[in-house]
């Protein structure tokens, strides 16, 4: 961005983040029937840590650029790394806003977070055997010879109640142990752990209990189904369009992740198009089109008269239900906004998946300044690890060929793309632990709207990452370092962000918990919850 633009008409970009968005549309999915057990509702995450036996694991990931300074990426390099780690050891590719080893706020995978108060793995076996006896009865039909719980019940635990036993069990450890059992195809052990977890999870409990409910559903789906049958096994109930829209709006209001994406992108585009008379915006996830309402209004007040604006909205046809109709509804809505602001406007809808987009679908015209927006969508494109067509890099090369004036990329900061199942499970747990904690700070735990929003707009992402493989696993996040490598290999160069972008985001965060933090680093803006980076926003040309 040009330095001189930082001081242009401050009322212009300030109004971008003061504009209310009346209908909101982060891309969401159908609901799942989740177990809501409250056997011990007050003890969901206050548990004594229990050690498990270590195991050997082969870990494969794509390289991510190492970070220094305020953000640290702990990512194994590409290739095979054999290590001895416990099922709850810090693992994966977490990103931090500061050094987690020196912060009291760190709760997401610090070197000390996996410490255990008990080192004898047999104690866990005894406690689980007690739960089996109490929950299933003395005549349990589970064959001890095929699982790891064989042996007499320890007298020290036989007199304890189920709640007392579960107080000694840590839900994260149990979830990871269950995932490890599935990874090793030890299905009897996995089933036994699922039975224990059923009594610990709750969609109205503490953050870890709510997350545990959805991760348990993912583990069940992985155990009992595969391929296209997975979602049939999840007892899916599709909400009406109006219900789904209300759930999206709740999620939009209670956490700033989509406002971060919309406001940072709008300020970047507003600055890049400061002197342009004809503007073409290509949005690769247009949804309701709400992001562009405030930008159209601000451009309509530009000194010297408004520019001509054309918006091309790309969206998968499956979004019709969430939107309540086709892309023509988005065009009609934005056209009315533009007319009320005196802005010459044109809309083109491309109802196709990003994997299917070709140049002719985008209708690029000579003489128009082009801006391209990728809001939380590129991670849905399969890459070279899924298909030889590598749509992720193909789409970036296609956009580069359009000679856009600016391209904005906003993505979740997580590494679930090429990681094998067990490391991916741990990464999913750590990332969504932070997200559920951030949601918990905004609404009471028994708030029905919050429960519905989590079920409708978050649960399926989690289940997809845990239960699916191959082309059916569409949630494939990468760290900013990897996105940067992909963009630069496609020929892009980074655009420095002006101070206006961070000012706009910080203004938005004034309405949220002080635990949200914003850091600018390596040319990108990082939004974090406490020490965990949740999303990044960057600009390219």
Protein backbone atom coordinates (compact mmCIF):
# COMPACT_ATOMS: atom_id res chain seq x y z
CA UNK A 1 0.00 0.00 0.00
CA UNK A 2 1.21 3.52 -0.69
CA UNK A 3 2.32 5.42 2.38
CA UNK A 4 0.50 8.56 1.35
CA UNK A 5 -2.78 6.71 1.43
CA UNK A 6 -2.51 6.11 5.15
CA UNK A 7 -3.43 9.74 5.76
CA UNK A 8 -6.11 10.14 3.11
CA UNK A 9 -9.56 10.97 4.38
CA UNK A 10 -9.41 8.97 7.58
CA UNK A 11 -13.19 9.01 7.76
CA UNK A 12 -13.17 6.75 4.71
CA UNK A 13 -11.55 3.63 6.06
CA UNK A 14 -12.79 4.28 9.60
CA UNK A 15 -16.35 3.98 8.32
CA UNK A 16 -15.52 0.54 6.95
CA UNK A 17 -15.38 -0.98 10.39
CA UNK A 18 -18.12 1.14 11.91
CA UNK A 19 -20.64 -0.16 9.37
CA UNK A 20 -23.04 -2.75 10.83
CA UNK A 21 -23.48 -5.87 8.73
CA UNK A 22 -27.11 -6.84 8.86
CA UNK A 23 -26.93 -10.33 7.40
CA UNK A 24 -23.90 -12.43 7.94
CA UNK A 25 -22.81 -15.58 6.26
CA UNK A 26 -19.66 -17.43 7.20
CA UNK A 27 -19.80 -20.68 5.23
CA UNK A 28 -21.49 -23.22 7.47
CA UNK A 29 -22.83 -26.71 7.28
CA UNK A 30 -25.58 -28.98 8.47
CA UNK A 31 -26.13 -30.02 12.06
CA UNK A 32 -25.19 -33.20 13.81
CA UNK A 33 -26.91 -35.05 16.56
CA UNK A 34 -24.31 -34.86 19.32
CA UNK A 35 -24.43 -36.69 22.62
CA UNK A 36 -25.14 -34.36 25.50
CA UNK A 37 -24.14 -36.26 28.62
CA UNK A 38 -23.84 -34.50 31.93
CA UNK A 39 -22.93 -37.34 34.25
CA UNK A 40 -20.32 -35.17 35.99
CA UNK A 41 -21.04 -31.67 34.68
CA UNK A 42 -18.76 -29.86 37.08
CA UNK A 43 -15.66 -31.90 36.44
CA UNK A 44 -15.22 -31.70 32.68
CA UNK A 45 -11.70 -30.36 32.55
CA UNK A 46 -10.51 -30.26 36.14
CA UNK A 47 -8.72 -33.57 36.13
CA UNK A 48 -5.54 -35.11 37.38
CA UNK A 49 -3.19 -35.83 34.48
CA UNK A 50 -2.51 -39.50 33.84
CA UNK A 51 0.45 -40.77 31.84
CA UNK A 52 0.22 -43.23 28.98
CA UNK A 53 2.87 -45.45 27.55
CA UNK A 54 4.94 -43.85 24.81
CA UNK A 55 4.76 -45.01 21.23
CA UNK A 56 6.64 -44.56 17.99
CA UNK A 57 5.10 -42.39 15.32
CA UNK A 58 5.98 -41.54 11.74
CA UNK A 59 5.24 -37.85 11.12
CA UNK A 60 4.95 -36.33 7.66
CA UNK A 61 4.12 -32.69 6.92
CA UNK A 62 4.87 -30.10 4.31
CA UNK A 63 7.60 -27.67 5.32
CA UNK A 64 6.48 -24.44 6.94
CA UNK A 65 8.77 -21.46 7.20
CA UNK A 66 10.23 -21.20 10.70
CA UNK A 67 9.33 -18.08 12.57
CA UNK A 68 11.32 -15.91 14.87
CA UNK A 69 10.35 -13.06 17.12
CA UNK A 70 6.76 -12.78 18.21
CA UNK A 71 5.36 -15.81 16.36
CA UNK A 72 6.91 -19.26 16.61
CA UNK A 73 6.01 -22.21 14.41
CA UNK A 74 6.81 -25.64 15.81
CA UNK A 75 6.57 -27.77 12.70
CA UNK A 76 8.54 -30.91 11.88
CA UNK A 77 10.29 -30.72 8.54
CA UNK A 78 9.14 -32.73 5.57
CA UNK A 79 10.04 -36.38 5.59
CA UNK A 80 9.98 -39.14 8.14
CA UNK A 81 10.68 -38.31 11.75
CA UNK A 82 10.63 -41.14 14.23
CA UNK A 83 10.08 -40.03 17.80
CA UNK A 84 9.05 -41.40 21.15
CA UNK A 85 6.20 -39.28 22.48
CA UNK A 86 3.32 -39.84 24.82
CA UNK A 87 -0.22 -39.52 23.46
CA UNK A 88 -0.55 -36.11 25.09
CA UNK A 89 2.87 -34.65 24.31
CA UNK A 90 2.92 -31.21 22.63
CA UNK A 91 2.71 -32.01 18.94
CA UNK A 92 1.79 -30.56 15.60
CA UNK A 93 2.29 -27.15 14.15
CA UNK A 94 0.90 -24.64 16.58
CA UNK A 95 1.54 -20.93 16.13
CA UNK A 96 2.05 -18.54 18.99
CA UNK A 97 1.86 -14.78 19.33
CA UNK A 98 4.72 -14.86 21.84
CA UNK A 99 7.10 -17.39 23.29
CA UNK A 100 4.73 -19.87 25.00
CA UNK A 101 7.38 -21.07 27.42
CA UNK A 102 7.52 -17.65 29.05
CA UNK A 103 3.85 -16.74 29.19
CA UNK A 104 1.31 -17.38 31.90
CA UNK A 105 -1.43 -17.35 29.27
CA UNK A 106 -0.17 -20.35 27.37
CA UNK A 107 -2.54 -23.30 27.53
CA UNK A 108 -2.18 -24.73 24.05
CA UNK A 109 0.65 -27.21 23.86
CA UNK A 110 3.46 -25.61 25.81
CA UNK A 111 6.36 -27.84 26.83
CA UNK A 112 4.85 -28.08 30.29
CA UNK A 113 1.23 -28.61 29.34
CA UNK A 114 1.57 -32.34 28.97
CA UNK A 115 2.95 -32.95 32.43
CA UNK A 116 1.39 -35.75 34.37
CA UNK A 117 0.86 -36.30 38.04
CA UNK A 118 0.86 -40.09 37.67
CA UNK A 119 3.45 -42.07 35.76
CA UNK A 120 2.10 -45.59 36.07
CA UNK A 121 0.02 -46.43 32.99
CA UNK A 122 -1.57 -49.35 34.85
CA UNK A 123 -3.46 -46.87 37.04
CA UNK A 124 -5.37 -45.64 34.01
CA UNK A 125 -6.20 -49.23 33.08
CA UNK A 126 -7.55 -49.90 36.56
CA UNK A 127 -9.69 -46.77 36.53
CA UNK A 128 -11.11 -47.59 33.11
CA UNK A 129 -11.84 -51.13 34.26
CA UNK A 130 -13.76 -49.67 37.22
CA UNK A 131 -15.79 -47.52 34.84
CA UNK A 132 -16.51 -50.53 32.67
CA UNK A 133 -17.78 -52.42 35.70
CA UNK A 134 -19.95 -49.51 36.85
CA UNK A 135 -21.26 -48.39 33.46
CA UNK A 136 -21.69 -51.75 31.73
CA UNK A 137 -22.20 -54.06 34.71
CA UNK A 138 -20.27 -57.12 35.86
CA UNK A 139 -21.45 -59.16 32.87
CA UNK A 140 -19.90 -56.89 30.25
CA UNK A 141 -19.84 -58.53 26.84
CA UNK A 142 -16.48 -56.97 26.01
CA UNK A 143 -13.76 -59.61 25.81
CA UNK A 144 -10.86 -58.58 28.04
CA UNK A 145 -8.51 -60.76 26.04
CA UNK A 146 -8.74 -58.43 23.03
CA UNK A 147 -8.11 -55.15 24.79
CA UNK A 148 -5.66 -53.56 27.18
CA UNK A 149 -7.84 -53.68 30.32
CA UNK A 150 -7.39 -57.33 31.28
CA UNK A 151 -6.88 -58.02 34.96
CA UNK A 152 -8.68 -57.74 38.26
CA UNK A 153 -10.10 -54.44 39.41
CA UNK A 154 -7.75 -52.70 41.79
CA UNK A 155 -9.26 -52.57 45.27
CA UNK A 156 -8.14 -48.97 45.67
CA UNK A 157 -10.61 -47.92 42.96
CA UNK A 158 -13.39 -50.49 43.25
CA UNK A 159 -15.22 -48.47 45.90
CA UNK A 160 -15.06 -45.20 43.95
CA UNK A 161 -18.08 -43.80 42.14
CA UNK A 162 -18.01 -43.20 38.40
CA UNK A 163 -17.71 -39.45 38.94
CA UNK A 164 -14.81 -39.91 41.34
CA UNK A 165 -12.99 -42.08 38.85
CA UNK A 166 -13.59 -39.66 35.98
CA UNK A 167 -12.24 -36.80 38.07
CA UNK A 168 -8.88 -38.56 37.79
CA UNK A 169 -9.12 -38.90 34.01
CA UNK A 170 -8.07 -36.12 31.65
CA UNK A 171 -10.37 -35.72 28.65
CA UNK A 172 -7.61 -34.63 26.28
CA UNK A 173 -5.57 -37.70 27.15
CA UNK A 174 -8.57 -39.99 26.68
CA UNK A 175 -9.45 -38.44 23.31
CA UNK A 176 -5.88 -38.77 22.05
CA UNK A 177 -5.63 -42.33 23.39
CA UNK A 178 -8.86 -43.19 21.56
CA UNK A 179 -7.49 -41.65 18.36
CA UNK A 180 -4.24 -43.58 18.83
CA UNK A 181 -6.21 -46.81 19.22
CA UNK A 182 -8.06 -46.10 15.97
CA UNK A 183 -4.78 -45.28 14.25
CA UNK A 184 -3.40 -48.65 15.41
CA UNK A 185 -6.67 -50.40 14.42
CA UNK A 186 -7.18 -51.45 18.04
CA UNK A 187 -10.95 -51.14 17.72
CA UNK A 188 -11.96 -52.81 21.03
CA UNK A 189 -9.84 -50.31 22.96
CA UNK A 190 -11.22 -47.43 20.90
CA UNK A 191 -14.80 -48.51 21.60
CA UNK A 192 -14.12 -48.82 25.33
CA UNK A 193 -12.63 -45.33 25.46
CA UNK A 194 -15.61 -43.94 23.55
CA UNK A 195 -17.93 -45.41 26.18
CA UNK A 196 -15.98 -43.58 28.88
CA UNK A 197 -15.90 -40.33 26.90
CA UNK A 198 -19.68 -40.42 26.40
CA UNK A 199 -20.12 -39.74 30.10
CA UNK A 200 -17.66 -36.83 30.10
CA UNK A 201 -18.70 -34.70 27.11
CA UNK A 202 -21.49 -32.12 27.00
CA UNK A 203 -22.51 -29.55 24.39
CA UNK A 204 -23.46 -27.19 27.24
CA UNK A 205 -20.41 -27.78 29.42
CA UNK A 206 -16.94 -26.32 29.64
CA UNK A 207 -15.09 -25.63 26.36
CA UNK A 208 -13.21 -28.93 26.48
CA UNK A 209 -16.46 -30.84 27.11
CA UNK A 210 -18.14 -29.20 24.13
CA UNK A 211 -15.15 -29.78 21.87
CA UNK A 212 -14.93 -33.34 23.17
CA UNK A 213 -18.53 -33.99 22.10
CA UNK A 214 -17.79 -33.10 18.48
CA UNK A 215 -14.42 -34.84 18.40
CA UNK A 216 -16.08 -37.96 19.80
CA UNK A 217 -18.58 -37.81 16.92
CA UNK A 218 -15.65 -37.60 14.52
CA UNK A 219 -14.01 -40.64 16.10
CA UNK A 220 -17.27 -42.59 15.88
CA UNK A 221 -17.66 -41.65 12.22
CA UNK A 222 -14.12 -42.79 11.52
CA UNK A 223 -14.70 -46.08 13.35
CA UNK A 224 -18.06 -47.03 11.83
CA UNK A 225 -18.02 -45.47 8.37
CA UNK A 226 -15.82 -44.53 5.45
CA UNK A 227 -16.02 -42.54 2.26
CA UNK A 228 -19.40 -41.21 1.17
CA UNK A 229 -21.18 -43.13 3.96
CA UNK A 230 -19.70 -40.99 6.74
CA UNK A 231 -22.31 -38.27 6.77
CA UNK A 232 -25.19 -40.74 6.66
CA UNK A 233 -23.79 -42.25 9.85
CA UNK A 234 -23.84 -38.86 11.57
CA UNK A 235 -27.66 -38.62 11.69
CA UNK A 236 -27.58 -35.29 9.93
CA UNK A 237 -30.60 -33.01 10.26
CA UNK A 238 -30.59 -30.07 7.89
CA UNK A 239 -31.93 -26.83 9.43
CA UNK A 240 -34.08 -24.46 7.44
CA UNK A 241 -32.38 -21.61 5.60
CA UNK A 242 -33.67 -19.03 8.09
CA UNK A 243 -32.47 -21.13 11.04
CA UNK A 244 -29.03 -21.60 9.50
CA UNK A 245 -28.80 -17.88 8.77
CA UNK A 246 -29.56 -17.07 12.40
CA UNK A 247 -26.88 -19.51 13.60
CA UNK A 248 -24.33 -17.90 11.27
CA UNK A 249 -25.25 -14.48 12.58
CA UNK A 250 -24.74 -15.62 16.18
CA UNK A 251 -21.28 -16.98 15.38
CA UNK A 252 -20.41 -13.80 13.50
CA UNK A 253 -21.37 -11.69 16.50
CA UNK A 254 -19.78 -13.68 19.33
CA UNK A 255 -16.29 -14.10 17.83
CA UNK A 256 -14.33 -11.75 15.53
CA UNK A 257 -12.83 -14.22 13.05
CA UNK A 258 -15.03 -13.23 10.10
CA UNK A 259 -14.99 -9.55 10.97
CA UNK A 260 -11.20 -9.82 10.97
CA UNK A 261 -11.33 -11.26 7.45
CA UNK A 262 -13.88 -8.81 6.06
CA UNK A 263 -12.48 -5.62 7.57
CA UNK A 264 -8.82 -6.31 6.82
CA UNK A 265 -9.63 -7.20 3.20
CA UNK A 266 -11.90 -4.19 2.71
CA UNK A 267 -9.28 -1.71 3.92
CA UNK A 268 -6.61 -3.31 1.72
CA UNK A 269 -8.86 -3.13 -1.35
CA UNK A 270 -10.06 0.40 -0.53
CA UNK A 271 -6.46 1.64 -0.40
CA UNK A 272 -5.38 -0.23 -3.54
CA UNK A 273 -8.29 1.21 -5.55
CA UNK A 274 -7.95 4.80 -4.31
CA UNK A 275 -7.43 6.32 -7.77
CA UNK A 276 -9.28 3.80 -9.93
CA UNK A 277 -12.44 4.70 -11.85
CA UNK A 278 -13.40 1.13 -12.81
CA UNK A 279 -13.06 -1.64 -10.24
CA UNK A 280 -13.63 -5.39 -10.59
CA UNK A 281 -13.72 -7.51 -7.41
CA UNK A 282 -13.61 -11.31 -7.66
CA UNK A 283 -14.76 -12.97 -4.42
CA UNK A 284 -14.05 -16.71 -4.32
CA UNK A 285 -16.55 -17.22 -1.49
CA UNK A 286 -19.25 -14.61 -1.96
CA UNK A 287 -21.85 -16.28 0.33
CA UNK A 288 -24.37 -13.49 1.15
CA UNK A 289 -22.16 -10.73 -0.24
CA UNK A 290 -22.34 -8.87 3.08
CA UNK A 291 -18.64 -8.05 3.04
CA UNK A 292 -19.09 -5.64 0.13
CA UNK A 293 -21.96 -3.56 1.53
CA UNK A 294 -19.73 -1.28 3.60
CA UNK A 295 -17.08 -1.02 0.87
CA UNK A 296 -19.68 0.05 -1.71
CA UNK A 297 -21.01 2.65 0.72
CA UNK A 298 -17.55 4.07 1.40
CA UNK A 299 -16.57 4.15 -2.28
CA UNK A 300 -19.86 5.92 -2.98
CA UNK A 301 -18.63 8.84 -0.85
CA UNK A 302 -15.24 9.11 -2.55
CA UNK A 303 -14.24 12.69 -3.46
CA UNK A 304 -14.66 13.27 -7.18
CA UNK A 305 -17.47 10.78 -7.51
CA UNK A 306 -17.88 7.03 -7.06
CA UNK A 307 -16.14 4.50 -9.31
CA UNK A 308 -17.86 1.90 -11.45
CA UNK A 309 -17.85 -1.36 -9.47
CA UNK A 310 -18.30 -4.88 -10.80
CA UNK A 311 -18.39 -7.88 -8.46
CA UNK A 312 -17.94 -11.48 -9.58
CA UNK A 313 -19.12 -13.88 -6.90
CA UNK A 314 -17.86 -17.47 -6.96
CA UNK A 315 -19.69 -19.94 -4.75
CA UNK A 316 -20.33 -23.66 -4.76
CA UNK A 317 -23.96 -24.53 -5.67
CA UNK A 318 -24.22 -26.33 -2.31
CA UNK A 319 -24.37 -22.89 -0.66
CA UNK A 320 -27.83 -22.30 -2.11
CA UNK A 321 -29.49 -23.76 0.99
CA UNK A 322 -27.50 -21.61 3.41
CA UNK A 323 -28.24 -18.53 1.33
CA UNK A 324 -31.89 -19.36 0.75
CA UNK A 325 -31.49 -19.12 -3.02
CA UNK A 326 -29.07 -18.67 -5.90
CA UNK A 327 -26.40 -16.05 -6.48
CA UNK A 328 -29.00 -13.82 -8.12
CA UNK A 329 -30.16 -12.95 -4.58
CA UNK A 330 -26.68 -11.63 -3.80
CA UNK A 331 -26.67 -9.59 -7.00
CA UNK A 332 -30.07 -8.08 -6.23
CA UNK A 333 -29.07 -7.14 -2.71
CA UNK A 334 -25.77 -5.51 -3.70
CA UNK A 335 -27.42 -3.74 -6.63
CA UNK A 336 -29.93 -2.12 -4.26
CA UNK A 337 -27.13 -1.00 -1.95
CA UNK A 338 -25.16 0.46 -4.86
CA UNK A 339 -28.23 2.25 -6.25
CA UNK A 340 -28.91 3.84 -2.86
CA UNK A 341 -25.32 5.14 -2.82
CA UNK A 342 -25.32 6.33 -6.43
CA UNK A 343 -22.63 3.80 -7.39
CA UNK A 344 -22.65 2.33 -10.94
CA UNK A 345 -22.74 -1.42 -10.28
CA UNK A 346 -22.79 -4.79 -12.02
CA UNK A 347 -22.85 -8.30 -10.56
CA UNK A 348 -21.87 -11.60 -12.12
CA UNK A 349 -22.49 -14.89 -10.33
CA UNK A 350 -20.33 -17.96 -10.99
CA UNK A 351 -22.09 -20.85 -9.26
CA UNK A 352 -19.18 -23.29 -9.45
CA UNK A 353 -16.61 -24.75 -7.10
CA UNK A 354 -13.22 -23.08 -6.97
CA UNK A 355 -11.77 -26.35 -8.28
CA UNK A 356 -13.74 -25.88 -11.50
CA UNK A 357 -12.99 -22.19 -12.12
CA UNK A 358 -11.42 -21.28 -15.45
CA UNK A 359 -10.48 -17.83 -16.75
CA UNK A 360 -13.63 -17.53 -18.86
CA UNK A 361 -15.82 -17.97 -15.74
CA UNK A 362 -14.43 -14.75 -14.25
CA UNK A 363 -15.17 -12.38 -17.17
CA UNK A 364 -12.13 -10.18 -16.68
CA UNK A 365 -12.26 -7.03 -18.82
CA UNK A 366 -9.51 -4.77 -20.06
CA UNK A 367 -9.39 -1.38 -18.35
CA UNK A 368 -10.73 -2.53 -14.97
CA UNK A 369 -8.53 -2.56 -11.85
CA UNK A 370 -8.85 -6.07 -10.43
CA UNK A 371 -8.97 -7.16 -6.77
CA UNK A 372 -9.25 -10.83 -5.77
CA UNK A 373 -10.53 -12.01 -2.38
CA UNK A 374 -9.86 -15.44 -0.83
CA UNK A 375 -11.71 -15.45 2.56
CA UNK A 376 -11.20 -18.79 4.35
CA UNK A 377 -11.65 -20.72 1.11
CA UNK A 378 -8.31 -21.80 -0.40
CA UNK A 379 -7.86 -24.52 2.23
CA UNK A 380 -10.85 -26.28 0.63
CA UNK A 381 -8.92 -26.67 -2.63
CA UNK A 382 -7.19 -30.09 -2.86
CA UNK A 383 -3.44 -29.88 -3.44
CA UNK A 384 -0.76 -32.20 -4.80
CA UNK A 385 -1.18 -34.59 -1.87
CA UNK A 386 -4.78 -35.30 -2.95
CA UNK A 387 -4.86 -35.07 -6.73
CA UNK A 388 -2.35 -34.70 -9.55
CA UNK A 389 -4.35 -31.70 -10.79
CA UNK A 390 -3.37 -29.78 -7.63
CA UNK A 391 -6.24 -27.29 -7.74
CA UNK A 392 -4.76 -25.24 -4.89
CA UNK A 393 -1.70 -24.18 -6.86
CA UNK A 394 -3.55 -24.21 -10.19
CA UNK A 395 -6.01 -21.61 -8.92
CA UNK A 396 -3.20 -19.40 -7.61
CA UNK A 397 -1.43 -19.54 -10.99
CA UNK A 398 -4.70 -18.74 -12.75
CA UNK A 399 -5.27 -15.67 -10.56
CA UNK A 400 -1.68 -14.56 -11.09
CA UNK A 401 -2.26 -14.61 -14.85
CA UNK A 402 -5.06 -12.04 -14.41
CA UNK A 403 -2.60 -9.31 -13.30
CA UNK A 404 -4.72 -8.28 -10.31
CA UNK A 405 -3.78 -5.07 -8.56
CA UNK A 406 -4.19 -6.78 -5.19
CA UNK A 407 -5.04 -10.28 -3.91
CA UNK A 408 -6.15 -10.78 -0.29
CA UNK A 409 -5.73 -14.13 1.45
CA UNK A 410 -7.30 -14.88 4.86
CA UNK A 411 -6.85 -18.35 6.34
CA UNK A 412 -6.96 -20.23 9.62
CA UNK A 413 -3.52 -20.75 11.11
CA UNK A 414 -3.47 -24.50 11.49
CA UNK A 415 -1.67 -27.45 9.90
CA UNK A 416 -4.11 -30.22 9.01
CA UNK A 417 -3.43 -30.65 5.31
CA UNK A 418 -0.86 -33.42 4.92
CA UNK A 419 -0.41 -34.53 8.53
CA UNK A 420 -1.30 -38.19 9.23
CA UNK A 421 -4.39 -38.92 11.29
CA UNK A 422 -2.98 -38.85 14.83
CA UNK A 423 -0.91 -35.62 14.55
CA UNK A 424 -3.85 -34.06 12.70
CA UNK A 425 -6.18 -35.06 15.54
CA UNK A 426 -3.89 -33.39 18.09
CA UNK A 427 -3.60 -30.24 15.99
CA UNK A 428 -7.39 -30.10 15.61
CA UNK A 429 -7.81 -30.45 19.36
CA UNK A 430 -5.33 -27.68 20.15
CA UNK A 431 -6.71 -25.24 17.56
CA UNK A 432 -10.37 -25.72 18.45
CA UNK A 433 -9.63 -25.71 22.18
CA UNK A 434 -8.62 -22.08 21.71
CA UNK A 435 -11.65 -21.36 19.52
CA UNK A 436 -14.14 -22.88 21.97
CA UNK A 437 -12.53 -21.01 24.84
CA UNK A 438 -12.87 -17.76 22.89
CA UNK A 439 -16.55 -18.49 22.22
CA UNK A 440 -17.03 -19.36 25.89
CA UNK A 441 -15.93 -15.84 26.83
CA UNK A 442 -18.81 -14.34 24.84
CA UNK A 443 -21.89 -16.39 25.75
CA UNK A 444 -23.10 -18.42 28.77
CA UNK A 445 -22.56 -22.16 28.49
CA UNK A 446 -26.27 -22.94 28.54
CA UNK A 447 -27.05 -20.37 25.83
CA UNK A 448 -29.13 -22.25 23.24
CA UNK A 449 -28.11 -19.93 20.41
CA UNK A 450 -24.44 -20.55 21.11
CA UNK A 451 -25.01 -24.31 21.26
CA UNK A 452 -26.82 -24.24 17.92
CA UNK A 453 -24.16 -22.03 16.32
CA UNK A 454 -21.39 -24.41 17.39
CA UNK A 455 -23.31 -27.45 16.19
CA UNK A 456 -24.30 -25.91 12.85
CA UNK A 457 -21.20 -23.89 11.99
CA UNK A 458 -18.23 -25.60 13.66
CA UNK A 459 -19.02 -29.28 14.26
CA UNK A 460 -18.84 -30.46 10.68
CA UNK A 461 -15.41 -28.94 10.12
CA UNK A 462 -14.13 -30.87 13.13
CA UNK A 463 -15.80 -34.12 12.08
CA UNK A 464 -14.48 -33.78 8.53
CA UNK A 465 -10.88 -33.38 9.69
CA UNK A 466 -11.13 -36.42 11.96
CA UNK A 467 -13.34 -38.83 10.03
CA UNK A 468 -12.46 -38.27 6.38
CA UNK A 469 -9.47 -38.99 4.18
CA UNK A 470 -8.56 -38.40 0.55
CA UNK A 471 -10.82 -36.19 -1.55
CA UNK A 472 -13.59 -36.38 1.05
CA UNK A 473 -11.47 -34.49 3.59
CA UNK A 474 -12.07 -30.92 2.46
CA UNK A 475 -10.81 -29.14 5.60
CA UNK A 476 -7.07 -28.94 4.78
CA UNK A 477 -5.51 -25.97 6.56
CA UNK A 478 -1.93 -24.81 6.21
CA UNK A 479 0.26 -22.38 8.12
CA UNK A 480 0.96 -18.92 6.74
CA UNK A 481 4.55 -19.94 5.98
CA UNK A 482 3.28 -22.60 3.59
CA UNK A 483 0.76 -20.24 1.97
CA UNK A 484 3.54 -17.71 1.48
CA UNK A 485 5.66 -20.35 -0.27
CA UNK A 486 2.77 -21.32 -2.55
CA UNK A 487 2.01 -17.71 -3.48
CA UNK A 488 5.62 -16.87 -4.21
CA UNK A 489 6.06 -20.01 -6.32
CA UNK A 490 3.01 -18.87 -8.31
CA UNK A 491 4.77 -15.56 -8.99
CA UNK A 492 3.16 -13.29 -6.38
CA UNK A 493 5.03 -10.74 -4.28
CA UNK A 494 3.79 -9.56 -0.86
CA UNK A 495 2.16 -6.15 -0.45
CA UNK A 496 3.10 -4.37 2.79
CA UNK A 497 0.05 -3.65 4.93
CA UNK A 498 -0.50 -0.04 5.94
CA UNK A 499 -1.21 0.94 9.52
CA UNK A 500 -4.84 1.50 8.50
CA UNK A 501 -5.41 -2.26 8.30
CA UNK A 502 -4.29 -2.98 11.87
CA UNK A 503 -6.16 0.10 13.11
CA UNK A 504 -9.38 -1.22 11.55
CA UNK A 505 -8.95 -4.67 13.11
CA UNK A 506 -8.09 -3.29 16.55
CA UNK A 507 -11.19 -1.11 16.39
CA UNK A 508 -13.28 -4.24 15.79
CA UNK A 509 -11.63 -6.06 18.70
CA UNK A 510 -12.71 -3.35 21.16
CA UNK A 511 -16.08 -5.11 21.31
CA UNK A 512 -14.52 -8.44 22.31
CA UNK A 513 -12.45 -10.04 25.06
CA UNK A 514 -9.06 -8.55 25.84
CA UNK A 515 -7.60 -12.01 25.25
CA UNK A 516 -7.79 -11.40 21.48
CA UNK A 517 -4.53 -10.05 20.16
CA UNK A 518 -3.29 -8.67 16.84
CA UNK A 519 0.33 -8.81 15.70
CA UNK A 520 1.77 -7.77 12.35
CA UNK A 521 4.66 -9.94 11.24
CA UNK A 522 6.27 -11.02 7.96
CA UNK A 523 3.90 -8.78 6.03
CA UNK A 524 0.76 -10.42 7.45
CA UNK A 525 -1.67 -9.58 10.21
CA UNK A 526 -2.08 -12.33 12.82
CA UNK A 527 -5.24 -12.58 14.94
CA UNK A 528 -4.77 -14.64 18.08
CA UNK A 529 -6.59 -15.85 21.16
CA UNK A 530 -4.12 -15.48 24.03
CA UNK A 531 -0.91 -16.97 22.60
CA UNK A 532 -2.48 -19.07 19.85
CA UNK A 533 -2.60 -17.56 16.35
CA UNK A 534 -6.05 -18.29 14.91
CA UNK A 535 -6.10 -16.49 11.55
CA UNK A 536 -3.82 -14.54 9.23
CA UNK A 537 -4.58 -11.87 6.64
CA UNK A 538 -2.11 -10.91 3.91
CA UNK A 539 -2.05 -8.98 0.63
CA UNK A 540 -0.27 -9.89 -2.62
CA UNK A 541 0.19 -8.66 -6.16
